[in-house]
Amino acid sequence: MKQIAFPFTVKVGRVTVKIYRVNSATSKDGCFYQVADYTKAFDKAGKPKRKLVSFSDFEKAKAEAESIASKISSGDVAALDLRAPERAAYGRAVDLLRPSNIPLELAAARYAEAVELLGDGNRLIDAVKFFKACNPDLLPSKTVAELIDEMIQEKTAHGKSARYLGDLRNRLDRFSKEVPGVRLTWIRRQSKSG
């Protein structure tokens, strides 16, 4: 049988849990095993603290280490034994994501990727606004005639003169007849490619 080197490391995904062998004159085999568990104890700042859990049998220690590593790797929040502020933050994050039906883990992964690409999380909203402005498929699909009507209503609401509004309507209606049925997204796409 191969000699086991200590500390022995159990790895699941990116998570590692160490098992230590401790010599003891009082134990039956002359030693016992301790698993380093960071999921149960925290310091005053809420940071995980190592807690050593003892086992008389190596296989039982290994099974516990695998269990801890699997729970942390899979994101089992109950296994992490979160403190009150962390539980509140987790709950709030899940509530914020509920309308979009996106799991917290996926949102965090997308956010991390966006920050990596942008170099700064504060610029994320600016990047989204720029993206929306440059992608016509996200714009409402309206005909030129509908846009002209909206523009005339807006100018009227701002108190423009009847003469100005009449001239504008006359010019824009002629333009609208030249491009019947053309939608805003088509205009944006053509102006970008041309």
N, C-alpha and C. Protein backbone atom coordinates (compact mmCIF):
# COMPACT_ATOMS: atom_id res chain seq x y z
N MET A 1 0.85 -1.19 0.00
CA MET A 1 0.00 0.00 0.00
C MET A 1 0.89 1.25 0.00
N LYS A 2 0.47 2.24 -0.77
CA LYS A 2 1.23 3.49 -0.89
C LYS A 2 1.17 4.29 0.41
N GLN A 3 2.32 4.80 0.80
CA GLN A 3 2.41 5.64 2.02
C GLN A 3 1.70 6.97 1.76
N ILE A 4 0.85 7.39 2.67
CA ILE A 4 0.11 8.65 2.53
C ILE A 4 0.94 9.77 3.13
N ALA A 5 1.10 10.85 2.36
CA ALA A 5 1.85 12.02 2.84
C ALA A 5 0.88 12.99 3.51
N PHE A 6 1.31 13.56 4.62
CA PHE A 6 0.48 14.52 5.34
C PHE A 6 1.16 15.88 5.37
N PRO A 7 0.40 16.98 5.35
CA PRO A 7 -1.06 17.00 5.32
C PRO A 7 -1.58 16.46 3.98
N PHE A 8 -2.65 15.68 4.07
CA PHE A 8 -3.29 15.09 2.90
C PHE A 8 -4.32 16.09 2.39
N THR A 9 -4.35 16.30 1.07
CA THR A 9 -5.27 17.29 0.49
C THR A 9 -6.37 16.60 -0.30
N VAL A 10 -7.60 16.95 0.02
CA VAL A 10 -8.77 16.49 -0.74
C VAL A 10 -9.20 17.67 -1.61
N LYS A 11 -9.36 17.41 -2.93
CA LYS A 11 -9.71 18.48 -3.84
C LYS A 11 -10.99 18.14 -4.59
N VAL A 12 -11.94 19.09 -4.59
CA VAL A 12 -13.18 18.98 -5.37
C VAL A 12 -13.32 20.30 -6.13
N GLY A 13 -13.25 20.24 -7.45
CA GLY A 13 -13.26 21.47 -8.24
C GLY A 13 -12.04 22.31 -7.88
N ARG A 14 -12.28 23.55 -7.50
CA ARG A 14 -11.18 24.43 -7.07
C ARG A 14 -11.00 24.46 -5.56
N VAL A 15 -11.82 23.71 -4.86
CA VAL A 15 -11.81 23.74 -3.40
C VAL A 15 -10.90 22.63 -2.87
N THR A 16 -10.02 22.98 -1.92
CA THR A 16 -9.18 21.98 -1.28
C THR A 16 -9.43 22.01 0.23
N VAL A 17 -9.41 20.82 0.82
CA VAL A 17 -9.55 20.67 2.27
C VAL A 17 -8.41 19.78 2.74
N LYS A 18 -7.71 20.21 3.78
CA LYS A 18 -6.55 19.46 4.27
C LYS A 18 -6.91 18.56 5.45
N ILE A 19 -6.23 17.41 5.49
CA ILE A 19 -6.34 16.47 6.61
C ILE A 19 -4.94 16.36 7.23
N TYR A 20 -4.86 16.55 8.54
CA TYR A 20 -3.59 16.47 9.26
C TYR A 20 -3.55 15.19 10.09
N ARG A 21 -2.35 14.60 10.18
CA ARG A 21 -2.13 13.43 11.04
C ARG A 21 -1.44 13.93 12.31
N VAL A 22 -2.01 13.58 13.45
CA VAL A 22 -1.46 14.03 14.73
C VAL A 22 -1.08 12.79 15.54
N ASN A 23 0.20 12.72 15.96
CA ASN A 23 0.65 11.61 16.81
C ASN A 23 0.07 11.77 18.21
N SER A 24 -0.35 10.62 18.78
CA SER A 24 -0.95 10.66 20.10
C SER A 24 -0.67 9.34 20.82
N ALA A 25 -0.13 9.45 21.99
CA ALA A 25 0.17 8.25 22.79
C ALA A 25 -1.10 7.63 23.35
N THR A 26 -2.16 8.42 23.45
CA THR A 26 -3.39 7.92 24.07
C THR A 26 -4.34 7.26 23.07
N SER A 27 -4.14 7.45 21.77
CA SER A 27 -5.05 6.84 20.79
C SER A 27 -4.63 5.41 20.50
N LYS A 28 -5.59 4.61 20.06
CA LYS A 28 -5.37 3.19 19.82
C LYS A 28 -4.30 2.93 18.76
N ASP A 29 -4.31 3.70 17.67
CA ASP A 29 -3.35 3.52 16.58
C ASP A 29 -2.11 4.40 16.72
N GLY A 30 -2.03 5.17 17.79
CA GLY A 30 -0.90 6.06 18.01
C GLY A 30 -1.03 7.39 17.29
N CYS A 31 -2.18 7.61 16.64
CA CYS A 31 -2.41 8.89 15.97
C CYS A 31 -3.91 9.10 15.76
N PHE A 32 -4.26 10.33 15.40
CA PHE A 32 -5.62 10.63 14.98
C PHE A 32 -5.52 11.64 13.84
N TYR A 33 -6.65 11.95 13.19
CA TYR A 33 -6.65 12.79 11.99
C TYR A 33 -7.57 13.99 12.22
N GLN A 34 -7.11 15.12 11.73
CA GLN A 34 -7.90 16.35 11.87
C GLN A 34 -8.18 16.94 10.49
N VAL A 35 -9.45 17.28 10.29
CA VAL A 35 -9.88 17.90 9.03
C VAL A 35 -10.02 19.40 9.26
N ALA A 36 -9.40 20.19 8.38
CA ALA A 36 -9.49 21.65 8.47
C ALA A 36 -10.82 22.10 7.86
N ASP A 37 -11.71 22.60 8.71
CA ASP A 37 -13.04 23.02 8.28
C ASP A 37 -13.17 24.53 8.43
N TYR A 38 -13.36 25.24 7.31
CA TYR A 38 -13.51 26.70 7.33
C TYR A 38 -14.97 27.13 7.19
N THR A 39 -15.91 26.20 7.34
CA THR A 39 -17.31 26.53 7.11
C THR A 39 -18.10 26.77 8.38
N LYS A 40 -17.52 26.55 9.53
CA LYS A 40 -18.30 26.61 10.77
C LYS A 40 -17.89 27.71 11.74
N ALA A 41 -16.66 28.22 11.64
CA ALA A 41 -16.19 29.22 12.61
C ALA A 41 -15.79 30.50 11.88
N PHE A 42 -16.08 31.66 12.54
CA PHE A 42 -15.77 32.95 11.94
C PHE A 42 -15.18 33.87 13.00
N ASP A 43 -14.31 34.79 12.56
CA ASP A 43 -13.77 35.77 13.50
C ASP A 43 -14.77 36.92 13.64
N LYS A 44 -14.42 37.95 14.40
CA LYS A 44 -15.35 39.07 14.65
C LYS A 44 -15.68 39.85 13.38
N ALA A 45 -14.78 39.83 12.40
CA ALA A 45 -15.02 40.53 11.14
C ALA A 45 -15.86 39.69 10.18
N GLY A 46 -16.18 38.46 10.57
CA GLY A 46 -17.00 37.61 9.72
C GLY A 46 -16.20 36.77 8.74
N LYS A 47 -14.87 36.79 8.86
CA LYS A 47 -14.03 36.00 7.96
C LYS A 47 -13.94 34.57 8.50
N PRO A 48 -13.91 33.58 7.57
CA PRO A 48 -13.84 32.19 8.02
C PRO A 48 -12.58 31.90 8.82
N LYS A 49 -12.75 31.10 9.84
CA LYS A 49 -11.64 30.69 10.71
C LYS A 49 -11.53 29.17 10.64
N ARG A 50 -10.31 28.68 10.68
CA ARG A 50 -10.11 27.24 10.62
C ARG A 50 -10.55 26.58 11.93
N LYS A 51 -11.31 25.51 11.78
CA LYS A 51 -11.70 24.68 12.93
C LYS A 51 -11.27 23.26 12.59
N LEU A 52 -10.52 22.64 13.48
CA LEU A 52 -10.05 21.28 13.24
C LEU A 52 -11.02 20.28 13.85
N VAL A 53 -11.51 19.37 13.01
CA VAL A 53 -12.44 18.34 13.44
C VAL A 53 -11.67 17.02 13.48
N SER A 54 -11.69 16.34 14.62
CA SER A 54 -10.87 15.14 14.82
C SER A 54 -11.60 13.84 14.52
N PHE A 55 -10.83 12.87 13.98
CA PHE A 55 -11.34 11.54 13.66
C PHE A 55 -10.27 10.51 14.03
N SER A 56 -10.70 9.37 14.52
CA SER A 56 -9.74 8.31 14.86
C SER A 56 -9.40 7.48 13.62
N ASP A 57 -10.25 7.54 12.59
CA ASP A 57 -10.07 6.74 11.38
C ASP A 57 -9.80 7.65 10.18
N PHE A 58 -8.77 7.33 9.39
CA PHE A 58 -8.42 8.17 8.23
C PHE A 58 -9.55 8.20 7.20
N GLU A 59 -10.19 7.08 6.93
CA GLU A 59 -11.25 7.03 5.91
C GLU A 59 -12.44 7.91 6.30
N LYS A 60 -12.76 7.95 7.59
CA LYS A 60 -13.84 8.84 8.05
C LYS A 60 -13.44 10.30 7.90
N ALA A 61 -12.17 10.61 8.19
CA ALA A 61 -11.67 11.98 8.02
C ALA A 61 -11.71 12.38 6.56
N LYS A 62 -11.32 11.45 5.69
CA LYS A 62 -11.32 11.72 4.25
C LYS A 62 -12.75 11.94 3.74
N ALA A 63 -13.68 11.13 4.22
CA ALA A 63 -15.08 11.30 3.81
C ALA A 63 -15.62 12.66 4.24
N GLU A 64 -15.28 13.09 5.45
CA GLU A 64 -15.71 14.41 5.93
C GLU A 64 -15.08 15.52 5.10
N ALA A 65 -13.80 15.39 4.78
CA ALA A 65 -13.12 16.40 3.95
C ALA A 65 -13.76 16.49 2.57
N GLU A 66 -14.08 15.34 1.98
CA GLU A 66 -14.75 15.32 0.67
C GLU A 66 -16.13 15.97 0.74
N SER A 67 -16.84 15.71 1.82
CA SER A 67 -18.17 16.30 2.01
C SER A 67 -18.08 17.83 2.11
N ILE A 68 -17.13 18.31 2.91
CA ILE A 68 -16.96 19.76 3.07
C ILE A 68 -16.59 20.40 1.73
N ALA A 69 -15.62 19.79 1.04
CA ALA A 69 -15.17 20.34 -0.25
C ALA A 69 -16.30 20.34 -1.27
N SER A 70 -17.09 19.28 -1.31
CA SER A 70 -18.21 19.19 -2.26
C SER A 70 -19.26 20.26 -1.99
N LYS A 71 -19.58 20.46 -0.72
CA LYS A 71 -20.59 21.47 -0.36
C LYS A 71 -20.13 22.87 -0.74
N ILE A 72 -18.87 23.18 -0.45
CA ILE A 72 -18.35 24.51 -0.78
C ILE A 72 -18.28 24.67 -2.30
N SER A 73 -17.78 23.65 -2.99
CA SER A 73 -17.63 23.71 -4.45
C SER A 73 -18.97 23.89 -5.16
N SER A 74 -20.02 23.25 -4.63
CA SER A 74 -21.33 23.34 -5.27
C SER A 74 -22.10 24.60 -4.86
N GLY A 75 -21.53 25.37 -3.92
CA GLY A 75 -22.19 26.61 -3.51
C GLY A 75 -23.29 26.38 -2.50
N ASP A 76 -23.26 25.28 -1.79
CA ASP A 76 -24.26 24.99 -0.76
C ASP A 76 -24.13 26.02 0.36
N VAL A 77 -25.04 27.02 0.35
CA VAL A 77 -24.95 28.14 1.29
C VAL A 77 -25.13 27.67 2.73
N ALA A 78 -25.97 26.68 2.95
CA ALA A 78 -26.17 26.19 4.31
C ALA A 78 -24.86 25.64 4.86
N ALA A 79 -24.05 25.06 3.98
CA ALA A 79 -22.77 24.50 4.43
C ALA A 79 -21.82 25.61 4.86
N LEU A 80 -22.01 26.79 4.33
CA LEU A 80 -21.10 27.89 4.65
C LEU A 80 -21.45 28.57 5.97
N ASP A 81 -22.60 28.26 6.52
CA ASP A 81 -23.00 28.79 7.83
C ASP A 81 -22.78 30.31 7.87
N LEU A 82 -23.46 31.04 6.99
CA LEU A 82 -23.27 32.49 6.85
C LEU A 82 -23.69 33.24 8.11
N ARG A 83 -22.96 34.32 8.38
CA ARG A 83 -23.32 35.20 9.49
C ARG A 83 -24.47 36.10 9.05
N ALA A 84 -25.10 36.79 9.99
CA ALA A 84 -26.31 37.58 9.71
C ALA A 84 -26.13 38.59 8.57
N PRO A 85 -25.07 39.42 8.56
CA PRO A 85 -24.94 40.38 7.45
C PRO A 85 -24.78 39.70 6.09
N GLU A 86 -24.08 38.56 6.07
CA GLU A 86 -23.89 37.83 4.82
C GLU A 86 -25.19 37.20 4.36
N ARG A 87 -25.99 36.66 5.29
CA ARG A 87 -27.29 36.10 4.95
C ARG A 87 -28.20 37.19 4.39
N ALA A 88 -28.16 38.38 5.00
CA ALA A 88 -28.99 39.49 4.53
C ALA A 88 -28.59 39.89 3.11
N ALA A 89 -27.28 39.96 2.86
CA ALA A 89 -26.79 40.33 1.53
C ALA A 89 -27.19 39.28 0.50
N TYR A 90 -27.08 38.02 0.87
CA TYR A 90 -27.49 36.93 -0.02
C TYR A 90 -28.98 37.04 -0.34
N GLY A 91 -29.81 37.21 0.68
CA GLY A 91 -31.25 37.33 0.48
C GLY A 91 -31.61 38.51 -0.40
N ARG A 92 -30.97 39.64 -0.16
CA ARG A 92 -31.24 40.85 -0.97
C ARG A 92 -30.84 40.62 -2.43
N ALA A 93 -29.69 39.98 -2.64
CA ALA A 93 -29.22 39.70 -4.01
C ALA A 93 -30.21 38.80 -4.75
N VAL A 94 -30.71 37.77 -4.07
CA VAL A 94 -31.69 36.88 -4.69
C VAL A 94 -32.98 37.64 -5.00
N ASP A 95 -33.42 38.52 -4.09
CA ASP A 95 -34.63 39.33 -4.33
C ASP A 95 -34.45 40.25 -5.53
N LEU A 96 -33.28 40.88 -5.65
CA LEU A 96 -33.03 41.77 -6.78
C LEU A 96 -33.05 41.03 -8.12
N LEU A 97 -32.62 39.79 -8.10
CA LEU A 97 -32.55 39.00 -9.34
C LEU A 97 -33.87 38.30 -9.68
N ARG A 98 -34.77 38.18 -8.72
CA ARG A 98 -36.02 37.43 -8.93
C ARG A 98 -36.80 37.90 -10.17
N PRO A 99 -37.00 39.21 -10.41
CA PRO A 99 -37.77 39.61 -11.60
C PRO A 99 -37.14 39.18 -12.92
N SER A 100 -35.81 39.07 -12.96
CA SER A 100 -35.14 38.68 -14.20
C SER A 100 -35.03 37.17 -14.35
N ASN A 101 -35.37 36.43 -13.28
CA ASN A 101 -35.32 34.97 -13.29
C ASN A 101 -33.91 34.45 -13.60
N ILE A 102 -32.91 35.14 -13.09
CA ILE A 102 -31.51 34.74 -13.28
C ILE A 102 -30.96 34.28 -11.94
N PRO A 103 -30.36 33.08 -11.89
CA PRO A 103 -29.78 32.61 -10.63
C PRO A 103 -28.62 33.50 -10.18
N LEU A 104 -28.44 33.61 -8.88
CA LEU A 104 -27.38 34.45 -8.31
C LEU A 104 -26.01 34.08 -8.85
N GLU A 105 -25.72 32.80 -8.94
CA GLU A 105 -24.40 32.37 -9.42
C GLU A 105 -24.15 32.84 -10.85
N LEU A 106 -25.15 32.75 -11.72
CA LEU A 106 -25.01 33.19 -13.10
C LEU A 106 -24.82 34.71 -13.16
N ALA A 107 -25.59 35.44 -12.36
CA ALA A 107 -25.45 36.90 -12.32
C ALA A 107 -24.05 37.29 -11.86
N ALA A 108 -23.55 36.63 -10.83
CA ALA A 108 -22.21 36.92 -10.32
C ALA A 108 -21.16 36.61 -11.37
N ALA A 109 -21.32 35.50 -12.09
CA ALA A 109 -20.36 35.13 -13.14
C ALA A 109 -20.36 36.16 -14.26
N ARG A 110 -21.56 36.59 -14.68
CA ARG A 110 -21.65 37.60 -15.75
C ARG A 110 -21.07 38.93 -15.29
N TYR A 111 -21.35 39.31 -14.06
CA TYR A 111 -20.80 40.56 -13.52
C TYR A 111 -19.28 40.50 -13.48
N ALA A 112 -18.74 39.38 -13.00
CA ALA A 112 -17.28 39.23 -12.91
C ALA A 112 -16.65 39.32 -14.29
N GLU A 113 -17.29 38.69 -15.28
CA GLU A 113 -16.76 38.75 -16.65
C GLU A 113 -16.82 40.17 -17.21
N ALA A 114 -17.92 40.87 -16.95
CA ALA A 114 -18.06 42.25 -17.43
C ALA A 114 -17.01 43.15 -16.80
N VAL A 115 -16.78 42.98 -15.50
CA VAL A 115 -15.77 43.80 -14.81
C VAL A 115 -14.39 43.49 -15.36
N GLU A 116 -14.14 42.22 -15.64
CA GLU A 116 -12.84 41.84 -16.21
C GLU A 116 -12.64 42.50 -17.57
N LEU A 117 -13.69 42.54 -18.38
CA LEU A 117 -13.59 43.15 -19.71
C LEU A 117 -13.49 44.67 -19.65
N LEU A 118 -14.24 45.28 -18.72
CA LEU A 118 -14.26 46.74 -18.61
C LEU A 118 -13.13 47.28 -17.76
N GLY A 119 -12.65 46.48 -16.84
CA GLY A 119 -11.61 46.94 -15.94
C GLY A 119 -12.14 47.67 -14.73
N ASP A 120 -13.45 47.91 -14.68
CA ASP A 120 -14.03 48.66 -13.57
C ASP A 120 -15.53 48.43 -13.54
N GLY A 121 -16.06 47.96 -12.41
CA GLY A 121 -17.49 47.71 -12.28
C GLY A 121 -18.33 48.97 -12.36
N ASN A 122 -17.74 50.13 -12.05
CA ASN A 122 -18.49 51.39 -12.09
C ASN A 122 -18.86 51.79 -13.51
N ARG A 123 -18.17 51.24 -14.50
CA ARG A 123 -18.44 51.60 -15.90
C ARG A 123 -19.43 50.65 -16.56
N LEU A 124 -19.94 49.68 -15.82
CA LEU A 124 -20.83 48.68 -16.40
C LEU A 124 -22.11 49.30 -16.94
N ILE A 125 -22.76 50.15 -16.19
CA ILE A 125 -24.01 50.78 -16.64
C ILE A 125 -23.76 51.63 -17.88
N ASP A 126 -22.65 52.37 -17.89
CA ASP A 126 -22.31 53.17 -19.09
C ASP A 126 -22.15 52.26 -20.31
N ALA A 127 -21.50 51.12 -20.12
CA ALA A 127 -21.30 50.18 -21.22
C ALA A 127 -22.64 49.63 -21.73
N VAL A 128 -23.55 49.34 -20.83
CA VAL A 128 -24.87 48.83 -21.22
C VAL A 128 -25.64 49.91 -22.00
N LYS A 129 -25.60 51.15 -21.52
CA LYS A 129 -26.28 52.24 -22.22
C LYS A 129 -25.71 52.44 -23.63
N PHE A 130 -24.39 52.38 -23.75
CA PHE A 130 -23.74 52.52 -25.05
C PHE A 130 -24.15 51.37 -25.97
N PHE A 131 -24.16 50.16 -25.44
CA PHE A 131 -24.55 48.99 -26.22
C PHE A 131 -25.97 49.14 -26.75
N LYS A 132 -26.90 49.55 -25.88
CA LYS A 132 -28.29 49.71 -26.31
C LYS A 132 -28.41 50.78 -27.39
N ALA A 133 -27.64 51.86 -27.26
CA ALA A 133 -27.70 52.93 -28.25
C ALA A 133 -27.16 52.48 -29.60
N CYS A 134 -26.23 51.56 -29.60
CA CYS A 134 -25.59 51.11 -30.84
C CYS A 134 -26.20 49.84 -31.43
N ASN A 135 -27.23 49.30 -30.81
CA ASN A 135 -27.84 48.07 -31.29
C ASN A 135 -29.31 48.29 -31.58
N PRO A 136 -29.64 48.57 -32.83
CA PRO A 136 -31.00 48.91 -33.20
C PRO A 136 -32.02 47.81 -32.97
N ASP A 137 -31.58 46.57 -32.91
CA ASP A 137 -32.53 45.48 -32.68
C ASP A 137 -33.23 45.62 -31.33
N LEU A 138 -32.62 46.39 -30.42
CA LEU A 138 -33.21 46.59 -29.11
C LEU A 138 -34.15 47.80 -29.08
N LEU A 139 -34.15 48.58 -30.16
CA LEU A 139 -35.01 49.76 -30.23
C LEU A 139 -36.43 49.35 -30.61
N PRO A 140 -37.41 50.18 -30.24
CA PRO A 140 -38.78 49.86 -30.66
C PRO A 140 -38.86 49.92 -32.19
N SER A 141 -39.59 49.01 -32.78
CA SER A 141 -39.73 48.95 -34.23
C SER A 141 -40.89 49.84 -34.65
N LYS A 142 -40.59 51.06 -35.12
CA LYS A 142 -41.63 52.01 -35.53
C LYS A 142 -41.38 52.45 -36.96
N THR A 143 -42.49 52.76 -37.65
CA THR A 143 -42.36 53.25 -39.02
C THR A 143 -41.97 54.73 -38.99
N VAL A 144 -41.50 55.20 -40.14
CA VAL A 144 -41.13 56.61 -40.25
C VAL A 144 -42.35 57.49 -39.97
N ALA A 145 -43.52 57.07 -40.46
CA ALA A 145 -44.74 57.84 -40.24
C ALA A 145 -45.06 57.95 -38.74
N GLU A 146 -44.88 56.85 -38.00
CA GLU A 146 -45.13 56.87 -36.55
C GLU A 146 -44.16 57.81 -35.85
N LEU A 147 -42.91 57.80 -36.29
CA LEU A 147 -41.91 58.68 -35.68
C LEU A 147 -42.20 60.15 -35.97
N ILE A 148 -42.67 60.43 -37.18
CA ILE A 148 -43.03 61.80 -37.53
C ILE A 148 -44.17 62.29 -36.65
N ASP A 149 -45.18 61.45 -36.46
CA ASP A 149 -46.32 61.82 -35.60
C ASP A 149 -45.84 62.12 -34.19
N GLU A 150 -44.96 61.27 -33.65
CA GLU A 150 -44.44 61.50 -32.30
C GLU A 150 -43.66 62.81 -32.22
N MET A 151 -42.86 63.08 -33.26
CA MET A 151 -42.06 64.31 -33.27
C MET A 151 -42.95 65.55 -33.30
N ILE A 152 -43.98 65.52 -34.13
CA ILE A 152 -44.91 66.66 -34.23
C ILE A 152 -45.63 66.87 -32.90
N GLN A 153 -46.06 65.79 -32.25
CA GLN A 153 -46.72 65.90 -30.94
C GLN A 153 -45.77 66.52 -29.90
N GLU A 154 -44.51 66.09 -29.93
CA GLU A 154 -43.54 66.64 -28.97
C GLU A 154 -43.30 68.12 -29.23
N LYS A 155 -43.16 68.51 -30.50
CA LYS A 155 -42.94 69.92 -30.84
C LYS A 155 -44.16 70.76 -30.45
N THR A 156 -45.35 70.20 -30.65
CA THR A 156 -46.59 70.90 -30.27
C THR A 156 -46.63 71.10 -28.76
N ALA A 157 -46.27 70.05 -28.01
CA ALA A 157 -46.27 70.12 -26.55
C ALA A 157 -45.28 71.17 -26.05
N HIS A 158 -44.23 71.42 -26.80
CA HIS A 158 -43.22 72.42 -26.41
C HIS A 158 -43.56 73.83 -26.91
N GLY A 159 -44.76 73.97 -27.45
CA GLY A 159 -45.24 75.30 -27.80
C GLY A 159 -44.68 75.88 -29.09
N LYS A 160 -44.30 75.04 -30.04
CA LYS A 160 -43.80 75.56 -31.32
C LYS A 160 -44.95 76.18 -32.10
N SER A 161 -44.62 77.13 -32.95
CA SER A 161 -45.65 77.88 -33.68
C SER A 161 -46.35 77.00 -34.71
N ALA A 162 -47.57 77.39 -35.04
CA ALA A 162 -48.37 76.65 -36.02
C ALA A 162 -47.68 76.66 -37.38
N ARG A 163 -47.06 77.80 -37.74
CA ARG A 163 -46.37 77.89 -39.03
C ARG A 163 -45.21 76.90 -39.10
N TYR A 164 -44.41 76.86 -38.02
CA TYR A 164 -43.27 75.94 -37.96
C TYR A 164 -43.76 74.49 -38.04
N LEU A 165 -44.81 74.17 -37.28
CA LEU A 165 -45.33 72.81 -37.26
C LEU A 165 -45.89 72.41 -38.63
N GLY A 166 -46.55 73.35 -39.31
CA GLY A 166 -47.09 73.07 -40.64
C GLY A 166 -45.97 72.79 -41.64
N ASP A 167 -44.92 73.61 -41.59
CA ASP A 167 -43.78 73.42 -42.50
C ASP A 167 -43.10 72.08 -42.23
N LEU A 168 -42.90 71.78 -40.94
CA LEU A 168 -42.27 70.52 -40.56
C LEU A 168 -43.11 69.33 -41.03
N ARG A 169 -44.41 69.38 -40.81
CA ARG A 169 -45.30 68.29 -41.21
C ARG A 169 -45.25 68.10 -42.72
N ASN A 170 -45.27 69.20 -43.47
CA ASN A 170 -45.24 69.13 -44.94
C ASN A 170 -43.95 68.44 -45.42
N ARG A 171 -42.80 68.87 -44.91
CA ARG A 171 -41.52 68.29 -45.34
C ARG A 171 -41.40 66.82 -44.94
N LEU A 172 -41.77 66.53 -43.70
CA LEU A 172 -41.62 65.16 -43.21
C LEU A 172 -42.61 64.20 -43.85
N ASP A 173 -43.82 64.68 -44.18
CA ASP A 173 -44.78 63.81 -44.86
C ASP A 173 -44.28 63.43 -46.26
N ARG A 174 -43.62 64.38 -46.94
CA ARG A 174 -43.03 64.06 -48.26
C ARG A 174 -41.95 62.99 -48.11
N PHE A 175 -41.14 63.13 -47.06
CA PHE A 175 -40.09 62.13 -46.81
C PHE A 175 -40.73 60.78 -46.50
N SER A 176 -41.79 60.77 -45.72
CA SER A 176 -42.46 59.54 -45.33
C SER A 176 -43.03 58.80 -46.54
N LYS A 177 -43.52 59.56 -47.53
CA LYS A 177 -44.06 58.95 -48.75
C LYS A 177 -42.95 58.31 -49.59
N GLU A 178 -41.73 58.81 -49.47
CA GLU A 178 -40.59 58.24 -50.20
C GLU A 178 -40.13 56.90 -49.62
N VAL A 179 -40.42 56.68 -48.34
CA VAL A 179 -39.98 55.45 -47.66
C VAL A 179 -41.17 54.80 -46.94
N PRO A 180 -42.23 54.43 -47.68
CA PRO A 180 -43.41 53.86 -47.03
C PRO A 180 -43.08 52.52 -46.34
N GLY A 181 -43.56 52.37 -45.13
CA GLY A 181 -43.40 51.11 -44.40
C GLY A 181 -42.01 50.85 -43.82
N VAL A 182 -41.07 51.78 -44.05
CA VAL A 182 -39.71 51.57 -43.52
C VAL A 182 -39.73 51.78 -42.01
N ARG A 183 -39.05 50.88 -41.30
CA ARG A 183 -39.04 50.92 -39.84
C ARG A 183 -37.73 51.53 -39.35
N LEU A 184 -37.75 52.07 -38.12
CA LEU A 184 -36.60 52.74 -37.51
C LEU A 184 -35.38 51.83 -37.47
N THR A 185 -35.55 50.57 -37.13
CA THR A 185 -34.39 49.68 -37.02
C THR A 185 -33.70 49.52 -38.37
N TRP A 186 -34.46 49.50 -39.44
CA TRP A 186 -33.87 49.39 -40.77
C TRP A 186 -33.04 50.62 -41.09
N ILE A 187 -33.55 51.80 -40.75
CA ILE A 187 -32.82 53.05 -41.00
C ILE A 187 -31.51 53.05 -40.25
N ARG A 188 -31.53 52.69 -38.96
CA ARG A 188 -30.32 52.67 -38.14
C ARG A 188 -29.30 51.68 -38.73
N ARG A 189 -29.77 50.48 -39.13
CA ARG A 189 -28.88 49.47 -39.65
C ARG A 189 -28.23 49.94 -40.96
N GLN A 190 -29.03 50.58 -41.82
CA GLN A 190 -28.50 51.05 -43.09
C GLN A 190 -27.49 52.18 -42.89
N SER A 191 -27.77 53.08 -41.97
CA SER A 191 -26.86 54.20 -41.75
C SER A 191 -25.55 53.71 -41.14
N LYS A 192 -25.57 52.63 -40.36
CA LYS A 192 -24.34 52.10 -39.77
C LYS A 192 -23.51 51.38 -40.83
N SER A 193 -24.17 50.66 -41.75
CA SER A 193 -23.41 49.89 -42.72
C SER A 193 -22.99 50.74 -43.91
N GLY A 194 -23.67 51.84 -44.18
CA GLY A 194 -23.37 52.67 -45.34
C GLY A 194 -22.39 53.69 -45.01
